[in-house]
Amino acid sequence: MAQAKRSALVPAHDITRAILVLRGQRVLLDVELASLYGVTTKRLNEQVRRNLDRFPADFMFQLTAAEATALRSQIATSKRWPPRR
């Protein structure tokens, strides 16, 4: 069965709540960006890897292990219950 078509417009609050500041830069994590586009994180990263020449050099960076751990800790403590949909 075909997937339902997503609306082309994403509410601004969905985008602004996903923006984080890391290393002094405003960023969207791949999981958030994939969600906004309605694809899996794996698929988003796959397409980025296949099309690296289309992205500026400063488009992405890899988190250090310490940053990833701190971010996971931050996200876990900021989760709302029940989660919003």
N, C-alpha and C. Protein backbone atom coordinates (compact mmCIF):
# COMPACT_ATOMS: atom_id res chain seq x y z
N MET A 1 0.84 -1.17 0.00
CA MET A 1 0.00 0.00 0.00
C MET A 1 0.89 1.24 0.00
N ALA A 2 0.52 2.25 -0.76
CA ALA A 2 1.31 3.48 -0.85
C ALA A 2 1.22 4.27 0.45
N GLN A 3 2.32 4.94 0.78
CA GLN A 3 2.32 5.78 1.97
C GLN A 3 1.48 7.02 1.72
N ALA A 4 0.87 7.54 2.80
CA ALA A 4 0.13 8.78 2.68
C ALA A 4 1.10 9.91 2.38
N LYS A 5 0.69 10.82 1.51
CA LYS A 5 1.55 11.94 1.14
C LYS A 5 1.63 12.93 2.29
N ARG A 6 2.85 13.34 2.64
CA ARG A 6 3.07 14.31 3.70
C ARG A 6 2.82 15.71 3.18
N SER A 7 2.40 16.57 4.08
CA SER A 7 2.24 17.96 3.75
C SER A 7 3.60 18.55 3.40
N ALA A 8 3.63 19.45 2.43
CA ALA A 8 4.89 20.06 2.02
C ALA A 8 5.40 21.05 3.05
N LEU A 9 4.52 21.57 3.90
CA LEU A 9 4.92 22.56 4.88
C LEU A 9 5.05 21.93 6.26
N VAL A 10 6.12 22.26 6.94
CA VAL A 10 6.37 21.77 8.29
C VAL A 10 6.20 22.95 9.22
N PRO A 11 5.42 22.81 10.29
CA PRO A 11 5.26 23.94 11.22
C PRO A 11 6.61 24.42 11.74
N ALA A 12 6.75 25.74 11.84
CA ALA A 12 8.02 26.35 12.27
C ALA A 12 8.45 25.84 13.63
N HIS A 13 7.50 25.59 14.54
CA HIS A 13 7.88 25.13 15.88
C HIS A 13 8.50 23.74 15.83
N ASP A 14 8.13 22.91 14.84
CA ASP A 14 8.76 21.60 14.70
C ASP A 14 10.23 21.73 14.31
N ILE A 15 10.53 22.73 13.52
CA ILE A 15 11.91 22.94 13.10
C ILE A 15 12.71 23.59 14.22
N THR A 16 12.16 24.65 14.83
CA THR A 16 12.93 25.36 15.85
C THR A 16 13.19 24.51 17.08
N ARG A 17 12.28 23.61 17.43
CA ARG A 17 12.52 22.75 18.60
C ARG A 17 13.62 21.73 18.33
N ALA A 18 13.90 21.46 17.06
CA ALA A 18 14.91 20.48 16.69
C ALA A 18 16.31 21.08 16.57
N ILE A 19 16.42 22.40 16.55
CA ILE A 19 17.72 23.05 16.38
C ILE A 19 18.49 23.01 17.70
N LEU A 20 19.72 22.55 17.62
CA LEU A 20 20.62 22.50 18.78
C LEU A 20 21.82 23.40 18.51
N VAL A 21 22.50 23.81 19.55
CA VAL A 21 23.74 24.56 19.39
C VAL A 21 24.88 23.65 19.83
N LEU A 22 25.73 23.31 18.88
CA LEU A 22 26.91 22.46 19.13
C LEU A 22 28.12 23.15 18.54
N ARG A 23 29.18 23.22 19.31
CA ARG A 23 30.41 23.87 18.86
C ARG A 23 30.15 25.30 18.38
N GLY A 24 29.16 25.94 18.99
CA GLY A 24 28.84 27.32 18.63
C GLY A 24 28.07 27.47 17.34
N GLN A 25 27.60 26.37 16.77
CA GLN A 25 26.85 26.39 15.51
C GLN A 25 25.45 25.85 15.74
N ARG A 26 24.46 26.44 15.07
CA ARG A 26 23.11 25.89 15.11
C ARG A 26 23.06 24.70 14.15
N VAL A 27 22.60 23.56 14.65
CA VAL A 27 22.60 22.34 13.84
C VAL A 27 21.28 21.58 14.00
N LEU A 28 21.01 20.74 13.03
CA LEU A 28 19.95 19.75 13.11
C LEU A 28 20.62 18.39 13.03
N LEU A 29 20.28 17.51 13.95
CA LEU A 29 20.81 16.16 13.90
C LEU A 29 20.19 15.41 12.73
N ASP A 30 20.91 14.42 12.23
CA ASP A 30 20.40 13.65 11.10
C ASP A 30 19.04 13.04 11.39
N VAL A 31 18.81 12.60 12.61
CA VAL A 31 17.53 11.98 12.95
C VAL A 31 16.39 13.00 12.85
N GLU A 32 16.65 14.24 13.24
CA GLU A 32 15.63 15.29 13.15
C GLU A 32 15.39 15.69 11.70
N LEU A 33 16.46 15.84 10.93
CA LEU A 33 16.33 16.22 9.54
C LEU A 33 15.59 15.14 8.74
N ALA A 34 15.92 13.88 9.02
CA ALA A 34 15.22 12.78 8.35
C ALA A 34 13.74 12.81 8.68
N SER A 35 13.42 13.07 9.94
CA SER A 35 12.02 13.15 10.36
C SER A 35 11.28 14.26 9.61
N LEU A 36 11.92 15.41 9.47
CA LEU A 36 11.30 16.52 8.75
C LEU A 36 11.03 16.17 7.28
N TYR A 37 11.91 15.37 6.69
CA TYR A 37 11.74 14.96 5.30
C TYR A 37 10.88 13.70 5.16
N GLY A 38 10.56 13.07 6.27
CA GLY A 38 9.72 11.88 6.22
C GLY A 38 10.43 10.64 5.71
N VAL A 39 11.73 10.55 5.97
CA VAL A 39 12.51 9.39 5.57
C VAL A 39 13.24 8.85 6.79
N THR A 40 13.82 7.67 6.66
CA THR A 40 14.61 7.12 7.77
C THR A 40 15.97 7.80 7.82
N THR A 41 16.57 7.78 8.98
CA THR A 41 17.90 8.36 9.15
C THR A 41 18.90 7.63 8.25
N LYS A 42 18.77 6.32 8.17
CA LYS A 42 19.66 5.53 7.31
C LYS A 42 19.57 6.01 5.86
N ARG A 43 18.35 6.23 5.38
CA ARG A 43 18.15 6.66 3.99
C ARG A 43 18.73 8.06 3.76
N LEU A 44 18.50 8.98 4.71
CA LEU A 44 19.05 10.33 4.59
C LEU A 44 20.57 10.29 4.50
N ASN A 45 21.21 9.57 5.41
CA ASN A 45 22.67 9.49 5.41
C ASN A 45 23.20 8.81 4.16
N GLU A 46 22.48 7.82 3.68
CA GLU A 46 22.87 7.14 2.44
C GLU A 46 22.88 8.13 1.27
N GLN A 47 21.84 8.94 1.17
CA GLN A 47 21.74 9.90 0.08
C GLN A 47 22.78 11.01 0.19
N VAL A 48 23.08 11.43 1.41
CA VAL A 48 24.14 12.43 1.60
C VAL A 48 25.47 11.86 1.13
N ARG A 49 25.79 10.62 1.55
CA ARG A 49 27.05 9.99 1.13
C ARG A 49 27.14 9.87 -0.40
N ARG A 50 26.02 9.55 -1.03
CA ARG A 50 26.02 9.38 -2.49
C ARG A 50 26.11 10.70 -3.24
N ASN A 51 25.83 11.79 -2.57
CA ASN A 51 25.78 13.10 -3.22
C ASN A 51 26.65 14.13 -2.52
N LEU A 52 27.80 13.73 -2.00
CA LEU A 52 28.67 14.62 -1.25
C LEU A 52 29.04 15.88 -2.02
N ASP A 53 29.18 15.78 -3.33
CA ASP A 53 29.58 16.94 -4.13
C ASP A 53 28.50 18.03 -4.17
N ARG A 54 27.30 17.72 -3.76
CA ARG A 54 26.21 18.71 -3.75
C ARG A 54 26.14 19.53 -2.46
N PHE A 55 26.93 19.15 -1.46
CA PHE A 55 26.87 19.81 -0.16
C PHE A 55 28.12 20.63 0.09
N PRO A 56 27.96 21.80 0.72
CA PRO A 56 29.16 22.58 1.07
C PRO A 56 29.98 21.84 2.13
N ALA A 57 31.25 22.18 2.20
CA ALA A 57 32.17 21.49 3.12
C ALA A 57 31.71 21.57 4.57
N ASP A 58 31.05 22.66 4.95
CA ASP A 58 30.63 22.82 6.35
C ASP A 58 29.20 22.35 6.60
N PHE A 59 28.65 21.55 5.69
CA PHE A 59 27.27 21.08 5.83
C PHE A 59 27.11 20.11 7.00
N MET A 60 28.12 19.31 7.27
CA MET A 60 27.99 18.28 8.31
C MET A 60 29.31 18.06 9.03
N PHE A 61 29.18 17.48 10.21
CA PHE A 61 30.35 17.05 10.96
C PHE A 61 29.94 15.90 11.85
N GLN A 62 30.93 15.14 12.28
CA GLN A 62 30.71 13.97 13.13
C GLN A 62 30.87 14.37 14.58
N LEU A 63 29.94 13.96 15.43
CA LEU A 63 30.06 14.23 16.85
C LEU A 63 31.18 13.40 17.45
N THR A 64 31.86 13.96 18.44
CA THR A 64 32.84 13.17 19.17
C THR A 64 32.06 12.24 20.10
N ALA A 65 32.72 11.25 20.65
CA ALA A 65 32.07 10.32 21.57
C ALA A 65 31.53 11.08 22.79
N ALA A 66 32.30 12.04 23.29
CA ALA A 66 31.86 12.81 24.46
C ALA A 66 30.62 13.65 24.13
N GLU A 67 30.60 14.26 22.93
CA GLU A 67 29.43 15.06 22.52
C GLU A 67 28.20 14.17 22.38
N ALA A 68 28.36 13.00 21.80
CA ALA A 68 27.23 12.09 21.61
C ALA A 68 26.67 11.64 22.96
N THR A 69 27.55 11.32 23.89
CA THR A 69 27.12 10.90 25.22
C THR A 69 26.39 12.03 25.93
N ALA A 70 26.94 13.23 25.89
CA ALA A 70 26.30 14.38 26.53
C ALA A 70 24.96 14.67 25.90
N LEU A 71 24.87 14.55 24.59
CA LEU A 71 23.62 14.81 23.89
C LEU A 71 22.56 13.77 24.24
N ARG A 72 22.96 12.50 24.29
CA ARG A 72 22.01 11.45 24.67
C ARG A 72 21.49 11.71 26.08
N SER A 73 22.36 12.11 26.97
CA SER A 73 21.97 12.41 28.34
C SER A 73 21.00 13.58 28.38
N GLN A 74 21.28 14.63 27.61
CA GLN A 74 20.41 15.80 27.54
C GLN A 74 19.03 15.45 27.01
N ILE A 75 19.01 14.68 25.94
CA ILE A 75 17.74 14.31 25.31
C ILE A 75 16.92 13.43 26.24
N ALA A 76 17.57 12.49 26.91
CA ALA A 76 16.86 11.58 27.81
C ALA A 76 16.19 12.34 28.95
N THR A 77 16.85 13.38 29.48
CA THR A 77 16.27 14.11 30.59
C THR A 77 15.24 15.14 30.14
N SER A 78 15.22 15.47 28.84
CA SER A 78 14.26 16.46 28.37
C SER A 78 13.03 15.84 27.71
N LYS A 79 12.96 14.52 27.65
CA LYS A 79 11.80 13.86 27.05
C LYS A 79 10.54 14.13 27.85
N ARG A 80 9.47 14.40 27.13
CA ARG A 80 8.18 14.60 27.76
C ARG A 80 7.43 13.27 27.81
N TRP A 81 6.61 13.11 28.82
CA TRP A 81 5.76 11.93 28.86
C TRP A 81 4.35 12.37 29.07
N PRO A 82 3.41 11.96 28.27
CA PRO A 82 3.62 11.10 27.09
C PRO A 82 4.26 11.90 25.97
N PRO A 83 4.97 11.20 25.08
CA PRO A 83 5.64 11.90 23.98
C PRO A 83 4.63 12.58 23.06
N ARG A 84 5.03 13.72 22.49
CA ARG A 84 4.16 14.41 21.53
C ARG A 84 4.24 13.70 20.20
N ARG A 85 3.19 13.74 19.47
CA ARG A 85 3.15 13.16 18.11
C ARG A 85 2.92 14.23 17.10
